C-alpha cells in the first residue's frame, strides 16, 4: 500500500496573516507552554488546565494549534507530537483538536516516513502505519474522558481501526459504541451492522 500525505491544516494564504499567526502563537502559545510544563517539561494533566488557564484556554489552544500547523508544514514530527499534546491539554473540551491530532498521528506521520524512506520493505512500512494508528488510538482514548458520551471520537477510532489497522472486528466495536450515543449519525449503526455481519460470516466459514 503506497503512503500518501493527508492534509488536515488549512493553508495560510495571506503573508500578513501568516506572520500575525506566528506572532499570536509566540505570545500566547509560549505563555501557555510555560503554564503547562512541569519540572521536566511535561504537559500538565488535562484536568489541571481549566484552573491554570481559565477562560483563556480556548484561545491558547487555538494559538498552539497554529504552532502545530507551522511544525506540520515543515514535517517536524517531534514538535507536532508535543504541540498536539499541549493543545488538547489546553482545551480538552473541543473535539476538533483530538480528532485532527489523531489523524495526523495515524496518517501523516507514517506517510512522511514512507516518503522519506521509500526503499524500506513493505513490512517495515506497514509497521510504521500500525505504530501511528496505535498512537492515535491512545490519544483518542484520553479524549474519551471528555467526550465519551458523544459519537465523534468513537467514530474516529472505528475509522482508524478499519483503514489504518485493517482490523474490522475492532472497528466494529467502536462503531457499535458510536451508534449507542445520543448524537450518533445513522451511518454508525449501518457500518456496525455490516462489519458485524462480515465477522459472523467469517466465523461460520471457518467452522
Protein backbone atom coordinates (compact mmCIF):
# COMPACT_ATOMS: atom_id res chain seq x y z
CA UNK A 1 0.00 0.00 0.00
CA UNK A 2 1.50 3.30 -1.07
CA UNK A 3 1.68 6.02 1.55
CA UNK A 4 0.23 9.41 0.73
CA UNK A 5 0.27 12.69 2.53
CA UNK A 6 -3.00 13.75 4.12
CA UNK A 7 -3.64 17.43 4.71
CA UNK A 8 -5.57 18.42 7.82
CA UNK A 9 -4.50 22.05 8.18
CA UNK A 10 -5.82 24.91 6.05
CA UNK A 11 -3.18 26.80 4.08
CA UNK A 12 -2.34 30.28 5.41
CA UNK A 13 -2.72 32.17 2.12
CA UNK A 14 -2.12 35.74 3.26
CA UNK A 15 1.50 36.55 4.06
CA UNK A 16 0.49 39.19 6.61
CA UNK A 17 -1.95 36.76 8.23
CA UNK A 18 0.79 34.15 8.28
CA UNK A 19 3.12 36.37 10.29
CA UNK A 20 0.27 37.52 12.52
CA UNK A 21 -0.45 33.89 13.27
CA UNK A 22 3.19 33.36 14.18
CA UNK A 23 3.16 36.41 16.47
CA UNK A 24 -0.01 35.29 18.24
CA UNK A 25 1.30 31.78 18.60
CA UNK A 26 4.58 33.01 20.05
CA UNK A 27 2.95 35.37 22.55
CA UNK A 28 0.04 33.29 23.79
CA UNK A 29 1.35 29.87 22.91
CA UNK A 30 4.62 30.40 24.72
CA UNK A 31 2.79 31.61 27.81
CA UNK A 32 0.58 28.54 27.68
CA UNK A 33 3.55 26.26 27.29
CA UNK A 34 5.17 27.71 30.40
CA UNK A 35 1.94 27.20 32.32
CA UNK A 36 1.62 23.62 31.14
CA UNK A 37 5.17 22.41 31.59
CA UNK A 38 6.15 20.74 34.80
CA UNK A 39 9.63 20.46 36.22
CA UNK A 40 10.78 18.20 33.40
CA UNK A 41 8.90 19.94 30.60
CA UNK A 42 5.95 17.54 30.55
CA UNK A 43 2.44 18.90 29.92
CA UNK A 44 0.15 19.20 32.90
CA UNK A 45 -2.79 16.79 33.06
CA UNK A 46 -5.92 17.94 31.22
CA UNK A 47 -7.87 18.20 34.47
CA UNK A 48 -5.48 20.89 35.71
CA UNK A 49 -5.63 23.12 32.67
CA UNK A 50 -9.01 24.74 33.33
CA UNK A 51 -7.79 26.08 36.66
CA UNK A 52 -4.48 27.23 35.20
CA UNK A 53 -5.86 28.99 32.15
CA UNK A 54 -9.48 29.77 32.92
CA UNK A 55 -11.39 31.37 30.07
CA UNK A 56 -8.23 31.78 28.01
CA UNK A 57 -7.73 28.07 27.37
CA UNK A 58 -9.60 28.02 24.04
CA UNK A 59 -7.66 31.00 22.73
CA UNK A 60 -4.40 29.47 23.93
CA UNK A 61 -5.31 26.16 22.29
CA UNK A 62 -6.05 27.96 19.02
CA UNK A 63 -2.64 29.59 19.12
CA UNK A 64 -0.97 26.32 19.99
CA UNK A 65 -2.76 24.74 17.04
CA UNK A 66 -1.32 27.44 14.79
CA UNK A 67 2.11 26.47 16.06
CA UNK A 68 1.23 22.86 15.35
CA UNK A 69 0.34 23.88 11.81
CA UNK A 70 3.73 25.54 11.31
CA UNK A 71 5.56 22.48 12.63
CA UNK A 72 3.38 20.24 10.44
CA UNK A 73 4.30 22.26 7.35
CA UNK A 74 7.98 21.50 7.97
CA UNK A 75 7.25 17.86 8.86
CA UNK A 76 8.76 18.27 12.30
CA UNK A 77 7.14 15.17 13.79
CA UNK A 78 8.67 15.64 17.25
CA UNK A 79 7.36 19.20 17.57
CA UNK A 80 3.96 18.28 16.11
CA UNK A 81 3.54 15.44 18.61
CA UNK A 82 4.38 17.68 21.57
CA UNK A 83 2.17 20.52 20.34
CA UNK A 84 -0.80 18.22 19.81
CA UNK A 85 -0.38 17.12 23.42
CA UNK A 86 -0.15 20.72 24.64
CA UNK A 87 -3.19 21.73 22.57
CA UNK A 88 -5.54 19.03 23.87
CA UNK A 89 -4.30 19.72 27.38
CA UNK A 90 -5.08 23.41 26.98
CA UNK A 91 -8.62 22.79 25.71
CA UNK A 92 -9.77 19.19 26.13
CA UNK A 93 -13.41 20.19 25.64
CA UNK A 94 -13.02 20.84 21.90
CA UNK A 95 -13.31 17.61 19.86
CA UNK A 96 -11.61 19.20 16.83
CA UNK A 97 -8.17 19.07 18.42
CA UNK A 98 -8.49 15.44 19.48
CA UNK A 99 -9.83 14.33 16.10
CA UNK A 100 -7.36 16.17 13.90
CA UNK A 101 -4.45 15.42 16.19
CA UNK A 102 -5.29 11.72 15.93
CA UNK A 103 -5.48 11.94 12.13
CA UNK A 104 -2.03 13.47 11.94
CA UNK A 105 -0.62 10.69 14.13
CA UNK A 106 -2.45 7.91 12.28
CA UNK A 107 -1.95 9.03 8.70
CA UNK A 108 0.55 11.87 8.26
CA UNK A 109 3.39 10.55 10.40
CA UNK A 110 3.53 7.17 8.63
CA UNK A 111 3.14 8.88 5.24
CA UNK A 112 6.07 11.21 5.92
CA UNK A 113 8.28 8.34 6.93
CA UNK A 114 7.25 6.22 3.96
CA UNK A 115 8.11 9.10 1.64
CA UNK A 116 11.42 9.80 3.36
CA UNK A 117 12.38 6.12 3.39
CA UNK A 118 10.58 4.89 0.28
CA UNK A 119 13.02 1.98 -0.18
CA UNK A 120 12.05 0.43 3.15
CA UNK A 121 10.46 -3.04 2.89
CA UNK A 122 6.67 -3.09 2.76
CA UNK A 123 6.54 -4.96 6.07
CA UNK A 124 8.51 -2.15 7.72
CA UNK A 125 6.26 0.50 6.19
CA UNK A 126 3.26 -1.44 7.46
CA UNK A 127 4.74 -1.42 10.97
CA UNK A 128 5.01 2.36 10.77
CA UNK A 129 1.33 2.61 9.92
CA UNK A 130 0.42 0.32 12.82
CA UNK A 131 2.53 2.41 15.19
CA UNK A 132 0.92 5.66 14.01
CA UNK A 133 -2.59 4.25 14.29
CA UNK A 134 -1.89 2.86 17.76
CA UNK A 135 -0.58 6.21 18.94
CA UNK A 136 -3.67 7.92 17.53
CA UNK A 137 -5.98 5.49 19.32
CA UNK A 138 -4.20 6.15 22.60
CA UNK A 139 -4.75 9.88 22.12
CA UNK A 140 -8.45 9.35 21.43
CA UNK A 141 -8.75 7.09 24.47
CA UNK A 142 -7.52 10.04 26.54
CA UNK A 143 -10.15 12.19 24.88
CA UNK A 144 -12.89 9.77 25.90
CA UNK A 145 -12.66 11.22 29.40
CA UNK A 146 -14.16 14.41 27.97
CA UNK A 147 -16.16 13.09 25.04
CA UNK A 148 -17.11 9.54 25.98
CA UNK A 149 -20.84 10.29 25.72
CA UNK A 150 -20.61 11.60 22.16
CA UNK A 151 -20.18 9.69 18.94
CA UNK A 152 -17.34 11.67 17.33
CA UNK A 153 -14.31 10.05 18.97
CA UNK A 154 -15.82 6.57 18.77
CA UNK A 155 -16.37 7.07 15.04
CA UNK A 156 -12.81 8.25 14.54
CA UNK A 157 -11.43 5.27 16.42
CA UNK A 158 -13.53 2.95 14.30
CA UNK A 159 -12.29 4.59 11.12
CA UNK A 160 -8.65 4.31 12.20
CA UNK A 161 -9.09 0.65 13.09
CA UNK A 162 -10.78 -0.01 9.75
CA UNK A 163 -8.48 1.85 7.38
CA UNK A 164 -5.16 2.20 9.19
CA UNK A 165 -5.06 -1.09 11.13
CA UNK A 166 -7.29 -3.14 8.82
CA UNK A 167 -8.87 -4.57 11.96
CA UNK A 168 -12.52 -4.97 11.06
CA UNK A 169 -13.56 -6.64 14.32
CA UNK A 170 -12.06 -3.85 16.41
CA UNK A 171 -13.57 -1.25 14.10
CA UNK A 172 -16.99 -2.87 14.50
CA UNK A 173 -16.79 -2.49 18.27
CA UNK A 174 -16.04 1.22 18.02
CA UNK A 175 -18.87 1.80 15.53
CA UNK A 176 -21.19 -0.13 17.86
CA UNK A 177 -20.25 2.17 20.73
CA UNK A 178 -20.68 5.20 18.50
CA UNK A 179 -24.15 4.04 17.44
CA UNK A 180 -25.24 3.90 21.09
CA UNK A 181 -24.59 7.60 21.72
CA UNK A 182 -27.41 10.13 21.61
CA UNK A 183 -25.80 12.16 18.83
CA UNK A 184 -24.86 9.17 16.67
CA UNK A 185 -25.39 9.57 12.91
CA UNK A 186 -27.44 6.88 11.20
CA UNK A 187 -24.46 5.51 9.31
CA UNK A 188 -22.76 4.42 12.56
CA UNK A 189 -25.30 1.63 13.09
CA UNK A 190 -25.21 0.66 9.40
CA UNK A 191 -21.42 0.33 9.39
CA UNK A 192 -21.51 -1.66 12.62
CA UNK A 193 -24.18 -3.99 11.24
CA UNK A 194 -22.20 -4.55 8.06
CA UNK A 195 -18.92 -5.25 9.86
CA UNK A 196 -20.63 -7.48 12.41
CA UNK A 197 -22.32 -9.46 9.64
CA UNK A 198 -18.95 -9.96 7.97
CA UNK A 199 -17.50 -11.18 11.26
CA UNK A 200 -20.33 -13.67 11.77
CA UNK A 201 -20.00 -14.89 8.18
CA UNK A 202 -16.27 -15.36 8.63
CA UNK A 203 -16.79 -17.35 11.82
CA UNK A 204 -19.30 -19.57 10.04
CA UNK A 205 -16.94 -20.27 7.16
CA UNK A 206 -14.10 -21.29 9.47
CA UNK A 207 -16.16 -23.88 11.35
